[in-house]
Amino acid sequence: MRPLTAEEKALSKAAKQRANKQLQAQRLRGVKGDPVVLEINGNPITLNYEMLRRFIRTLKNRCWNISMDTWSGPQPALIILHYVNSRGNDRGFIELYELPPYQKELLTDLPVIEIET
């Protein structure tokens, strides 16, 4: 996972500030981290990129595979499968869900990060 560029961070920060200003007026929970639109094989998901990178860093010395689950629930989820070796029992998965709709609709002009799997 690459870090966000300065331009992407600026776009994310500006969108987060605009959204949080409106959410604060409505007394709703604000947006945290660095929101981005992550695109995997043409499927977009709006999530906190800072949290995703933190999870990926915890998987040091492990193999991992990232995929998108768009059919099991009302909103898409990012699935990270991780394991030490393909034949061992030491494996697991992480699910990161898209930001709530009330936050997502207020976040405009987010940077788009494309990931190829």
N, C-alpha and C. Protein backbone atom coordinates (compact mmCIF):
# COMPACT_ATOMS: atom_id res chain seq x y z
N MET A 1 0.85 -1.17 0.00
CA MET A 1 0.00 0.00 0.00
C MET A 1 0.89 1.23 0.00
N ARG A 2 0.66 2.07 -0.93
CA ARG A 2 1.46 3.29 -1.01
C ARG A 2 0.85 4.38 -0.15
N PRO A 3 1.68 5.30 0.34
CA PRO A 3 1.12 6.44 1.07
C PRO A 3 0.44 7.40 0.11
N LEU A 4 -0.48 8.20 0.63
CA LEU A 4 -1.16 9.20 -0.18
C LEU A 4 -0.18 10.29 -0.57
N THR A 5 -0.34 10.82 -1.78
CA THR A 5 0.48 11.94 -2.20
C THR A 5 0.00 13.20 -1.49
N ALA A 6 0.77 14.25 -1.56
CA ALA A 6 0.39 15.52 -0.92
C ALA A 6 -0.92 16.05 -1.50
N GLU A 7 -1.09 15.91 -2.82
CA GLU A 7 -2.32 16.38 -3.46
C GLU A 7 -3.52 15.56 -3.01
N GLU A 8 -3.35 14.23 -2.92
CA GLU A 8 -4.45 13.37 -2.47
C GLU A 8 -4.81 13.66 -1.02
N LYS A 9 -3.80 13.89 -0.18
CA LYS A 9 -4.06 14.23 1.22
C LYS A 9 -4.81 15.56 1.32
N ALA A 10 -4.44 16.53 0.50
CA ALA A 10 -5.10 17.84 0.53
C ALA A 10 -6.56 17.71 0.10
N LEU A 11 -6.83 16.93 -0.95
CA LEU A 11 -8.21 16.71 -1.40
C LEU A 11 -9.03 16.01 -0.33
N SER A 12 -8.44 15.00 0.29
CA SER A 12 -9.13 14.25 1.34
C SER A 12 -9.42 15.14 2.54
N LYS A 13 -8.46 15.94 2.94
CA LYS A 13 -8.63 16.82 4.10
C LYS A 13 -9.71 17.88 3.83
N ALA A 14 -9.70 18.47 2.64
CA ALA A 14 -10.69 19.49 2.31
C ALA A 14 -12.10 18.89 2.30
N ALA A 15 -12.25 17.70 1.71
CA ALA A 15 -13.56 17.04 1.67
C ALA A 15 -14.02 16.69 3.08
N LYS A 16 -13.11 16.22 3.92
CA LYS A 16 -13.44 15.86 5.29
C LYS A 16 -13.88 17.09 6.08
N GLN A 17 -13.20 18.22 5.90
CA GLN A 17 -13.57 19.44 6.62
C GLN A 17 -14.95 19.93 6.21
N ARG A 18 -15.24 19.90 4.90
CA ARG A 18 -16.56 20.32 4.44
C ARG A 18 -17.65 19.42 5.01
N ALA A 19 -17.42 18.12 4.96
CA ALA A 19 -18.42 17.17 5.47
C ALA A 19 -18.60 17.30 6.97
N ASN A 20 -17.51 17.43 7.71
CA ASN A 20 -17.61 17.53 9.17
C ASN A 20 -18.33 18.80 9.61
N LYS A 21 -18.18 19.86 8.85
CA LYS A 21 -18.87 21.10 9.18
C LYS A 21 -20.38 20.89 9.10
N GLN A 22 -20.84 20.21 8.05
CA GLN A 22 -22.27 19.94 7.90
C GLN A 22 -22.75 18.90 8.91
N LEU A 23 -21.94 17.88 9.17
CA LEU A 23 -22.33 16.85 10.14
C LEU A 23 -22.42 17.41 11.56
N GLN A 24 -21.53 18.33 11.88
CA GLN A 24 -21.55 18.95 13.21
C GLN A 24 -22.84 19.75 13.39
N ALA A 25 -23.28 20.43 12.34
CA ALA A 25 -24.53 21.20 12.42
C ALA A 25 -25.72 20.27 12.62
N GLN A 26 -25.63 19.05 12.09
CA GLN A 26 -26.72 18.08 12.23
C GLN A 26 -26.53 17.19 13.46
N ARG A 27 -25.44 17.41 14.19
CA ARG A 27 -25.08 16.62 15.38
C ARG A 27 -24.94 15.13 15.08
N LEU A 28 -24.28 14.85 13.97
CA LEU A 28 -23.98 13.48 13.58
C LEU A 28 -22.49 13.25 13.74
N ARG A 29 -22.11 11.98 13.79
CA ARG A 29 -20.70 11.62 13.96
C ARG A 29 -19.89 12.07 12.75
N GLY A 30 -18.73 12.68 13.01
CA GLY A 30 -17.88 13.21 11.95
C GLY A 30 -17.02 12.16 11.29
N VAL A 31 -16.39 12.56 10.19
CA VAL A 31 -15.52 11.70 9.40
C VAL A 31 -14.13 11.72 10.03
N LYS A 32 -13.51 10.56 10.17
CA LYS A 32 -12.17 10.43 10.74
C LYS A 32 -11.18 9.99 9.68
N GLY A 33 -9.90 10.22 9.93
CA GLY A 33 -8.84 9.71 9.06
C GLY A 33 -8.76 10.43 7.74
N ASP A 34 -8.31 9.68 6.73
CA ASP A 34 -8.15 10.19 5.37
C ASP A 34 -9.16 9.49 4.45
N PRO A 35 -10.35 10.06 4.25
CA PRO A 35 -11.32 9.39 3.38
C PRO A 35 -10.88 9.44 1.92
N VAL A 36 -11.01 8.32 1.23
CA VAL A 36 -10.70 8.23 -0.20
C VAL A 36 -11.71 7.29 -0.85
N VAL A 37 -11.76 7.33 -2.16
CA VAL A 37 -12.51 6.34 -2.93
C VAL A 37 -11.49 5.33 -3.42
N LEU A 38 -11.58 4.12 -2.92
CA LEU A 38 -10.68 3.04 -3.32
C LEU A 38 -11.37 2.26 -4.42
N GLU A 39 -10.69 2.04 -5.52
CA GLU A 39 -11.28 1.34 -6.65
C GLU A 39 -10.50 0.06 -6.90
N ILE A 40 -11.21 -1.08 -6.77
CA ILE A 40 -10.60 -2.38 -6.99
C ILE A 40 -11.34 -3.07 -8.13
N ASN A 41 -10.63 -3.29 -9.22
CA ASN A 41 -11.22 -3.92 -10.41
C ASN A 41 -12.50 -3.22 -10.85
N GLY A 42 -12.52 -1.90 -10.80
CA GLY A 42 -13.67 -1.13 -11.24
C GLY A 42 -14.77 -0.95 -10.22
N ASN A 43 -14.63 -1.56 -9.04
CA ASN A 43 -15.64 -1.41 -7.98
C ASN A 43 -15.17 -0.37 -6.97
N PRO A 44 -15.91 0.73 -6.79
CA PRO A 44 -15.49 1.76 -5.84
C PRO A 44 -16.02 1.51 -4.44
N ILE A 45 -15.25 1.94 -3.44
CA ILE A 45 -15.66 1.90 -2.04
C ILE A 45 -15.04 3.13 -1.36
N THR A 46 -15.84 3.83 -0.57
CA THR A 46 -15.36 5.02 0.14
C THR A 46 -15.02 4.59 1.56
N LEU A 47 -13.75 4.75 1.93
CA LEU A 47 -13.33 4.34 3.27
C LEU A 47 -12.17 5.18 3.78
N ASN A 48 -11.78 4.90 5.01
CA ASN A 48 -10.68 5.59 5.67
C ASN A 48 -9.37 4.92 5.26
N TYR A 49 -8.60 5.57 4.41
CA TYR A 49 -7.36 5.01 3.88
C TYR A 49 -6.32 4.84 4.99
N GLU A 50 -6.32 5.74 5.96
CA GLU A 50 -5.39 5.66 7.08
C GLU A 50 -5.60 4.35 7.84
N MET A 51 -6.85 3.97 8.07
CA MET A 51 -7.16 2.73 8.78
C MET A 51 -6.73 1.52 7.96
N LEU A 52 -6.97 1.55 6.65
CA LEU A 52 -6.57 0.45 5.78
C LEU A 52 -5.06 0.25 5.83
N ARG A 53 -4.32 1.32 5.71
CA ARG A 53 -2.84 1.21 5.76
C ARG A 53 -2.38 0.68 7.11
N ARG A 54 -3.04 1.08 8.19
CA ARG A 54 -2.68 0.59 9.53
C ARG A 54 -2.87 -0.92 9.61
N PHE A 55 -3.99 -1.42 9.08
CA PHE A 55 -4.23 -2.86 9.08
C PHE A 55 -3.19 -3.59 8.23
N ILE A 56 -2.87 -3.05 7.06
CA ILE A 56 -1.88 -3.69 6.19
C ILE A 56 -0.52 -3.75 6.87
N ARG A 57 -0.14 -2.69 7.60
CA ARG A 57 1.15 -2.70 8.31
C ARG A 57 1.19 -3.76 9.41
N THR A 58 0.05 -4.09 10.03
CA THR A 58 0.04 -5.12 11.06
C THR A 58 0.22 -6.52 10.48
N LEU A 59 0.08 -6.66 9.18
CA LEU A 59 0.22 -7.95 8.53
C LEU A 59 1.65 -8.21 8.04
N LYS A 60 2.61 -7.57 8.67
CA LYS A 60 4.01 -7.76 8.31
C LYS A 60 4.37 -9.24 8.45
N ASN A 61 5.15 -9.76 7.53
CA ASN A 61 5.59 -11.16 7.49
C ASN A 61 4.44 -12.14 7.22
N ARG A 62 3.35 -11.66 6.66
CA ARG A 62 2.23 -12.51 6.30
C ARG A 62 1.89 -12.27 4.84
N CYS A 63 1.33 -13.27 4.20
CA CYS A 63 0.80 -13.10 2.85
C CYS A 63 -0.62 -12.58 2.98
N TRP A 64 -1.02 -11.71 2.10
CA TRP A 64 -2.39 -11.20 2.15
C TRP A 64 -2.91 -10.93 0.75
N ASN A 65 -4.21 -10.99 0.63
CA ASN A 65 -4.91 -10.77 -0.63
C ASN A 65 -6.11 -9.88 -0.34
N ILE A 66 -6.33 -8.90 -1.18
CA ILE A 66 -7.41 -7.94 -0.96
C ILE A 66 -8.48 -8.14 -2.04
N SER A 67 -9.75 -8.11 -1.62
CA SER A 67 -10.85 -8.26 -2.58
C SER A 67 -12.03 -7.44 -2.10
N MET A 68 -13.03 -7.34 -2.96
CA MET A 68 -14.21 -6.54 -2.66
C MET A 68 -15.42 -7.46 -2.60
N ASP A 69 -16.24 -7.27 -1.56
CA ASP A 69 -17.49 -8.03 -1.41
C ASP A 69 -18.63 -7.03 -1.56
N THR A 70 -19.38 -7.14 -2.67
CA THR A 70 -20.46 -6.19 -2.93
C THR A 70 -21.84 -6.83 -2.86
N TRP A 71 -21.92 -8.13 -2.61
CA TRP A 71 -23.20 -8.79 -2.69
C TRP A 71 -23.77 -9.27 -1.36
N SER A 72 -23.03 -9.22 -0.27
CA SER A 72 -23.52 -9.82 0.97
C SER A 72 -24.28 -8.86 1.88
N GLY A 73 -24.21 -7.58 1.63
CA GLY A 73 -24.88 -6.65 2.52
C GLY A 73 -25.35 -5.40 1.81
N PRO A 74 -25.87 -4.44 2.60
CA PRO A 74 -26.39 -3.22 1.99
C PRO A 74 -25.30 -2.30 1.45
N GLN A 75 -24.09 -2.43 1.96
CA GLN A 75 -22.99 -1.61 1.45
C GLN A 75 -21.77 -2.48 1.24
N PRO A 76 -20.88 -2.09 0.32
CA PRO A 76 -19.73 -2.93 0.01
C PRO A 76 -18.76 -3.02 1.18
N ALA A 77 -17.99 -4.09 1.18
CA ALA A 77 -16.97 -4.31 2.20
C ALA A 77 -15.67 -4.72 1.51
N LEU A 78 -14.57 -4.28 2.07
CA LEU A 78 -13.25 -4.65 1.59
C LEU A 78 -12.79 -5.83 2.45
N ILE A 79 -12.38 -6.92 1.82
CA ILE A 79 -11.99 -8.13 2.54
C ILE A 79 -10.49 -8.34 2.34
N ILE A 80 -9.75 -8.48 3.44
CA ILE A 80 -8.33 -8.76 3.38
C ILE A 80 -8.11 -10.14 4.00
N LEU A 81 -7.76 -11.11 3.17
CA LEU A 81 -7.43 -12.46 3.64
C LEU A 81 -5.95 -12.50 3.93
N HIS A 82 -5.56 -13.06 5.08
CA HIS A 82 -4.14 -13.12 5.42
C HIS A 82 -3.78 -14.49 5.98
N TYR A 83 -2.54 -14.92 5.73
CA TYR A 83 -2.07 -16.22 6.20
C TYR A 83 -0.55 -16.22 6.23
N VAL A 84 0.02 -17.17 6.99
CA VAL A 84 1.47 -17.32 7.05
C VAL A 84 1.94 -18.19 5.89
N ASN A 85 1.33 -19.34 5.73
CA ASN A 85 1.59 -20.16 4.55
C ASN A 85 0.28 -20.78 4.10
N SER A 86 0.22 -21.21 2.87
CA SER A 86 -1.05 -21.64 2.30
C SER A 86 -1.58 -22.94 2.89
N ARG A 87 -0.74 -23.73 3.54
CA ARG A 87 -1.19 -25.01 4.09
C ARG A 87 -1.41 -24.96 5.60
N GLY A 88 -1.07 -23.86 6.25
CA GLY A 88 -1.20 -23.77 7.70
C GLY A 88 -2.57 -23.32 8.15
N ASN A 89 -2.81 -23.46 9.45
CA ASN A 89 -4.07 -23.03 10.03
C ASN A 89 -4.04 -21.58 10.49
N ASP A 90 -2.89 -20.96 10.44
CA ASP A 90 -2.75 -19.58 10.90
C ASP A 90 -3.20 -18.63 9.80
N ARG A 91 -4.49 -18.40 9.75
CA ARG A 91 -5.07 -17.55 8.71
C ARG A 91 -6.26 -16.80 9.28
N GLY A 92 -6.69 -15.80 8.58
CA GLY A 92 -7.84 -15.03 9.03
C GLY A 92 -8.24 -14.01 7.97
N PHE A 93 -9.19 -13.15 8.34
CA PHE A 93 -9.62 -12.12 7.40
C PHE A 93 -10.04 -10.88 8.17
N ILE A 94 -9.97 -9.75 7.48
CA ILE A 94 -10.37 -8.45 8.01
C ILE A 94 -11.41 -7.90 7.05
N GLU A 95 -12.50 -7.38 7.60
CA GLU A 95 -13.53 -6.74 6.78
C GLU A 95 -13.57 -5.25 7.12
N LEU A 96 -13.41 -4.42 6.12
CA LEU A 96 -13.55 -2.98 6.29
C LEU A 96 -14.78 -2.54 5.50
N TYR A 97 -15.74 -1.97 6.19
CA TYR A 97 -16.97 -1.55 5.55
C TYR A 97 -16.88 -0.11 5.08
N GLU A 98 -17.68 0.19 4.09
CA GLU A 98 -17.74 1.53 3.52
C GLU A 98 -18.25 2.51 4.59
N LEU A 99 -17.87 3.78 4.42
CA LEU A 99 -18.35 4.81 5.34
C LEU A 99 -19.88 4.86 5.29
N PRO A 100 -20.52 5.28 6.38
CA PRO A 100 -21.99 5.35 6.39
C PRO A 100 -22.51 6.29 5.31
N PRO A 101 -23.71 6.03 4.80
CA PRO A 101 -24.26 6.85 3.71
C PRO A 101 -24.36 8.33 4.06
N TYR A 102 -24.69 8.68 5.31
CA TYR A 102 -24.81 10.09 5.66
C TYR A 102 -23.46 10.81 5.60
N GLN A 103 -22.35 10.10 5.78
CA GLN A 103 -21.03 10.70 5.61
C GLN A 103 -20.62 10.70 4.14
N LYS A 104 -20.88 9.58 3.48
CA LYS A 104 -20.46 9.41 2.09
C LYS A 104 -21.09 10.45 1.16
N GLU A 105 -22.36 10.78 1.38
CA GLU A 105 -23.03 11.73 0.49
C GLU A 105 -22.47 13.15 0.63
N LEU A 106 -21.84 13.46 1.77
CA LEU A 106 -21.28 14.79 1.97
C LEU A 106 -19.83 14.90 1.50
N LEU A 107 -19.18 13.78 1.27
CA LEU A 107 -17.78 13.79 0.83
C LEU A 107 -17.72 13.88 -0.69
N THR A 108 -17.30 15.05 -1.17
CA THR A 108 -17.18 15.24 -2.61
C THR A 108 -15.74 15.53 -2.96
N ASP A 109 -15.37 15.30 -4.19
CA ASP A 109 -14.02 15.57 -4.70
C ASP A 109 -12.95 14.78 -3.95
N LEU A 110 -13.25 13.54 -3.59
CA LEU A 110 -12.26 12.69 -2.92
C LEU A 110 -11.27 12.14 -3.94
N PRO A 111 -10.02 11.92 -3.54
CA PRO A 111 -9.07 11.28 -4.46
C PRO A 111 -9.48 9.82 -4.69
N VAL A 112 -9.22 9.35 -5.90
CA VAL A 112 -9.53 7.97 -6.27
C VAL A 112 -8.22 7.20 -6.32
N ILE A 113 -8.12 6.15 -5.50
CA ILE A 113 -6.93 5.30 -5.44
C ILE A 113 -7.29 3.97 -6.10
N GLU A 114 -6.57 3.63 -7.17
CA GLU A 114 -6.85 2.38 -7.88
C GLU A 114 -5.89 1.30 -7.41
N ILE A 115 -6.46 0.12 -7.09
CA ILE A 115 -5.66 -1.03 -6.67
C ILE A 115 -5.93 -2.16 -7.64
N GLU A 116 -4.85 -2.73 -8.15
CA GLU A 116 -4.97 -3.86 -9.06
C GLU A 116 -4.71 -5.13 -8.27
N THR A 117 -5.57 -6.12 -8.47
CA THR A 117 -5.38 -7.39 -7.75
C THR A 117 -4.95 -8.48 -8.70
